[in-house]
Structures are given as structure tokens and as C-alpha cells.
Amino acid sequence: MHEPAGDDSAAGLYVGDVAARVGGDEFVVLLVGVSAEDAKEVAARIVRAVAEEARALWPNTTGRPAWSRTLPEPSPGHEK
């Protein structure tokens, strides 16, 4: 069972998952032991959280955060 990871649990991150800045304004999130459907839901929650934070910080801005996601296929024998 996943244990929520403190403040990150609102975005769907759990103990064992990794969120890291890889450069500039680029970040990567590695989710451990979740299905592709769960990973898509976590990605959607993160995007919503970033958009809400951006609106709170810059209320008069009409732009939106840009993002992309890659959900690799599980290796054989590791499907969830």
C-alpha cells in the first residue's frame, strides 16, 4: 500500500515516488507501482495544482502553464 508523502499527497504522490527538478522550469515525476490510468490521474492533478498556483500568484495573467507528459509502457512481467 502506498503511504501519502506529506504535502505532495494532494497531487497524488506517495512515499517511494520521486519528483525532481531537472533543469530550468522542467520537472520529472517518477511514480512507483501505479497503473497507467492512475499515472494519468496524478498527471492531471499536478497540472491542475500548478495552474491554480499560477492563478493565485499572477491573477491578472491570462497565460497557462505549458506541460507535456510521457507515460512509458510497463516492461513485460511488470504490468499493473
C-alpha atoms as a PDB file:
ATOM      1  CA  MET A   1       0.000   0.000   0.000  1.00  0.00           C
ATOM      2  CA  HIS A   2       1.207   3.498  -0.810  1.00  0.00           C
ATOM      3  CA  GLU A   3       1.726   5.895   2.086  1.00  0.00           C
ATOM      4  CA  PRO A   4       0.917   9.571   1.293  1.00  0.00           C
ATOM      5  CA  ALA A   5       4.004  11.769   1.058  1.00  0.00           C
ATOM      6  CA  GLY A   6       3.158  14.771   3.227  1.00  0.00           C
ATOM      7  CA  ASP A   7       2.313  17.923   1.283  1.00  0.00           C
ATOM      8  CA  ASP A   8       2.783  16.081  -2.014  1.00  0.00           C
ATOM      9  CA  SER A   9      -0.129  13.731  -1.267  1.00  0.00           C
ATOM     10  CA  ALA A  10      -2.615  16.316  -2.589  1.00  0.00           C
ATOM     11  CA  ALA A  11      -1.059  15.847  -6.020  1.00  0.00           C
ATOM     12  CA  GLY A  12      -1.164  12.064  -5.652  1.00  0.00           C
ATOM     13  CA  LEU A  13       2.481  11.469  -4.772  1.00  0.00           C
ATOM     14  CA  TYR A  14       3.359   8.769  -2.275  1.00  0.00           C
ATOM     15  CA  VAL A  15       6.365   7.549  -0.335  1.00  0.00           C
ATOM     16  CA  GLY A  16       8.694   5.991  -2.900  1.00  0.00           C
ATOM     17  CA  ASP A  17       7.597   8.287  -5.733  1.00  0.00           C
ATOM     18  CA  VAL A  18      10.124  10.871  -6.890  1.00  0.00           C
ATOM     19  CA  ALA A  19       9.521  14.457  -8.016  1.00  0.00           C
ATOM     20  CA  ALA A  20      12.604  16.376  -9.122  1.00  0.00           C
ATOM     21  CA  ARG A  21      13.632  19.497 -10.995  1.00  0.00           C
ATOM     22  CA  VAL A  22      15.769  18.509 -13.983  1.00  0.00           C
ATOM     23  CA  GLY A  23      16.611  21.993 -15.240  1.00  0.00           C
ATOM     24  CA  GLY A  24      15.158  25.459 -15.574  1.00  0.00           C
ATOM     25  CA  ASP A  25      11.423  25.031 -15.290  1.00  0.00           C
ATOM     26  CA  GLU A  26      11.434  21.331 -16.191  1.00  0.00           C
ATOM     27  CA  PHE A  27      10.432  18.664 -13.691  1.00  0.00           C
ATOM     28  CA  VAL A  28      10.068  14.907 -13.726  1.00  0.00           C
ATOM     29  CA  VAL A  29       7.827  12.720 -11.577  1.00  0.00           C
ATOM     30  CA  LEU A  30       8.531   9.005 -11.217  1.00  0.00           C
ATOM     31  CA  LEU A  31       5.602   7.010  -9.859  1.00  0.00           C
ATOM     32  CA  VAL A  32       6.332   3.606  -8.373  1.00  0.00           C
ATOM     33  CA  GLY A  33       3.917   0.707  -8.751  1.00  0.00           C
ATOM     34  CA  VAL A  34       0.968   2.554 -10.295  1.00  0.00           C
ATOM     35  CA  SER A  35      -1.100   1.727 -13.344  1.00  0.00           C
ATOM     36  CA  ALA A  36      -1.101   3.893 -16.470  1.00  0.00           C
ATOM     37  CA  GLU A  37      -4.609   5.084 -15.588  1.00  0.00           C
ATOM     38  CA  ASP A  38      -3.503   6.119 -12.097  1.00  0.00           C
ATOM     39  CA  ALA A  39      -0.449   7.868 -13.568  1.00  0.00           C
ATOM     40  CA  LYS A  40      -2.699   9.845 -15.929  1.00  0.00           C
ATOM     41  CA  GLU A  41      -4.856  10.930 -12.990  1.00  0.00           C
ATOM     42  CA  VAL A  42      -1.793  12.022 -10.987  1.00  0.00           C
ATOM     43  CA  ALA A  43      -0.546  13.997 -14.016  1.00  0.00           C
ATOM     44  CA  ALA A  44      -3.926  15.723 -14.323  1.00  0.00           C
ATOM     45  CA  ARG A  45      -3.896  16.609 -10.598  1.00  0.00           C
ATOM     46  CA  ILE A  46      -0.392  18.059 -10.857  1.00  0.00           C
ATOM     47  CA  VAL A  47      -1.392  20.178 -13.860  1.00  0.00           C
ATOM     48  CA  ARG A  48      -4.470  21.469 -12.007  1.00  0.00           C
ATOM     49  CA  ALA A  49      -2.392  22.272  -8.906  1.00  0.00           C
ATOM     50  CA  VAL A  50       0.222  24.169 -10.941  1.00  0.00           C
ATOM     51  CA  ALA A  51      -2.468  26.107 -12.802  1.00  0.00           C
ATOM     52  CA  GLU A  52      -4.215  27.048  -9.539  1.00  0.00           C
ATOM     53  CA  GLU A  53      -0.936  28.187  -8.001  1.00  0.00           C
ATOM     54  CA  ALA A  54      -0.090  30.243 -11.105  1.00  0.00           C
ATOM     55  CA  ARG A  55      -3.522  31.928 -10.994  1.00  0.00           C
ATOM     56  CA  ALA A  56      -3.022  32.744  -7.305  1.00  0.00           C
ATOM     57  CA  LEU A  57       0.457  34.204  -7.874  1.00  0.00           C
ATOM     58  CA  TRP A  58      -0.380  36.099 -11.075  1.00  0.00           C
ATOM     59  CA  PRO A  59      -4.142  36.798 -11.043  1.00  0.00           C
ATOM     60  CA  ASN A  60      -4.016  39.280 -13.941  1.00  0.00           C
ATOM     61  CA  THR A  61      -2.217  36.910 -16.316  1.00  0.00           C
ATOM     62  CA  THR A  62      -4.222  35.057 -18.936  1.00  0.00           C
ATOM     63  CA  GLY A  63      -1.473  32.571 -19.871  1.00  0.00           C
ATOM     64  CA  ARG A  64      -1.484  28.969 -18.746  1.00  0.00           C
ATOM     65  CA  PRO A  65       1.396  26.711 -17.746  1.00  0.00           C
ATOM     66  CA  ALA A  66       2.604  24.535 -20.611  1.00  0.00           C
ATOM     67  CA  TRP A  67       3.258  20.878 -19.935  1.00  0.00           C
ATOM     68  CA  SER A  68       3.842  17.560 -21.579  1.00  0.00           C
ATOM     69  CA  ARG A  69       3.764  14.049 -20.235  1.00  0.00           C
ATOM     70  CA  THR A  70       5.259  10.735 -21.166  1.00  0.00           C
ATOM     71  CA  LEU A  71       3.798   7.541 -19.818  1.00  0.00           C
ATOM     72  CA  PRO A  72       6.076   4.655 -20.786  1.00  0.00           C
ATOM     73  CA  GLU A  73       4.681   1.188 -21.279  1.00  0.00           C
ATOM     74  CA  PRO A  74       5.455  -1.241 -18.444  1.00  0.00           C
ATOM     75  CA  SER A  75       8.144  -3.788 -19.144  1.00  0.00           C
ATOM     76  CA  PRO A  76       6.985  -7.402 -19.679  1.00  0.00           C
ATOM     77  CA  GLY A  77       6.086  -9.051 -16.409  1.00  0.00           C
ATOM     78  CA  HIS A  78       5.548  -5.719 -14.661  1.00  0.00           C
ATOM     79  CA  GLU A  79       2.080  -4.810 -15.917  1.00  0.00           C
ATOM     80  CA  LYS A  80      -0.322  -3.474 -13.298  1.00  0.00           C
END
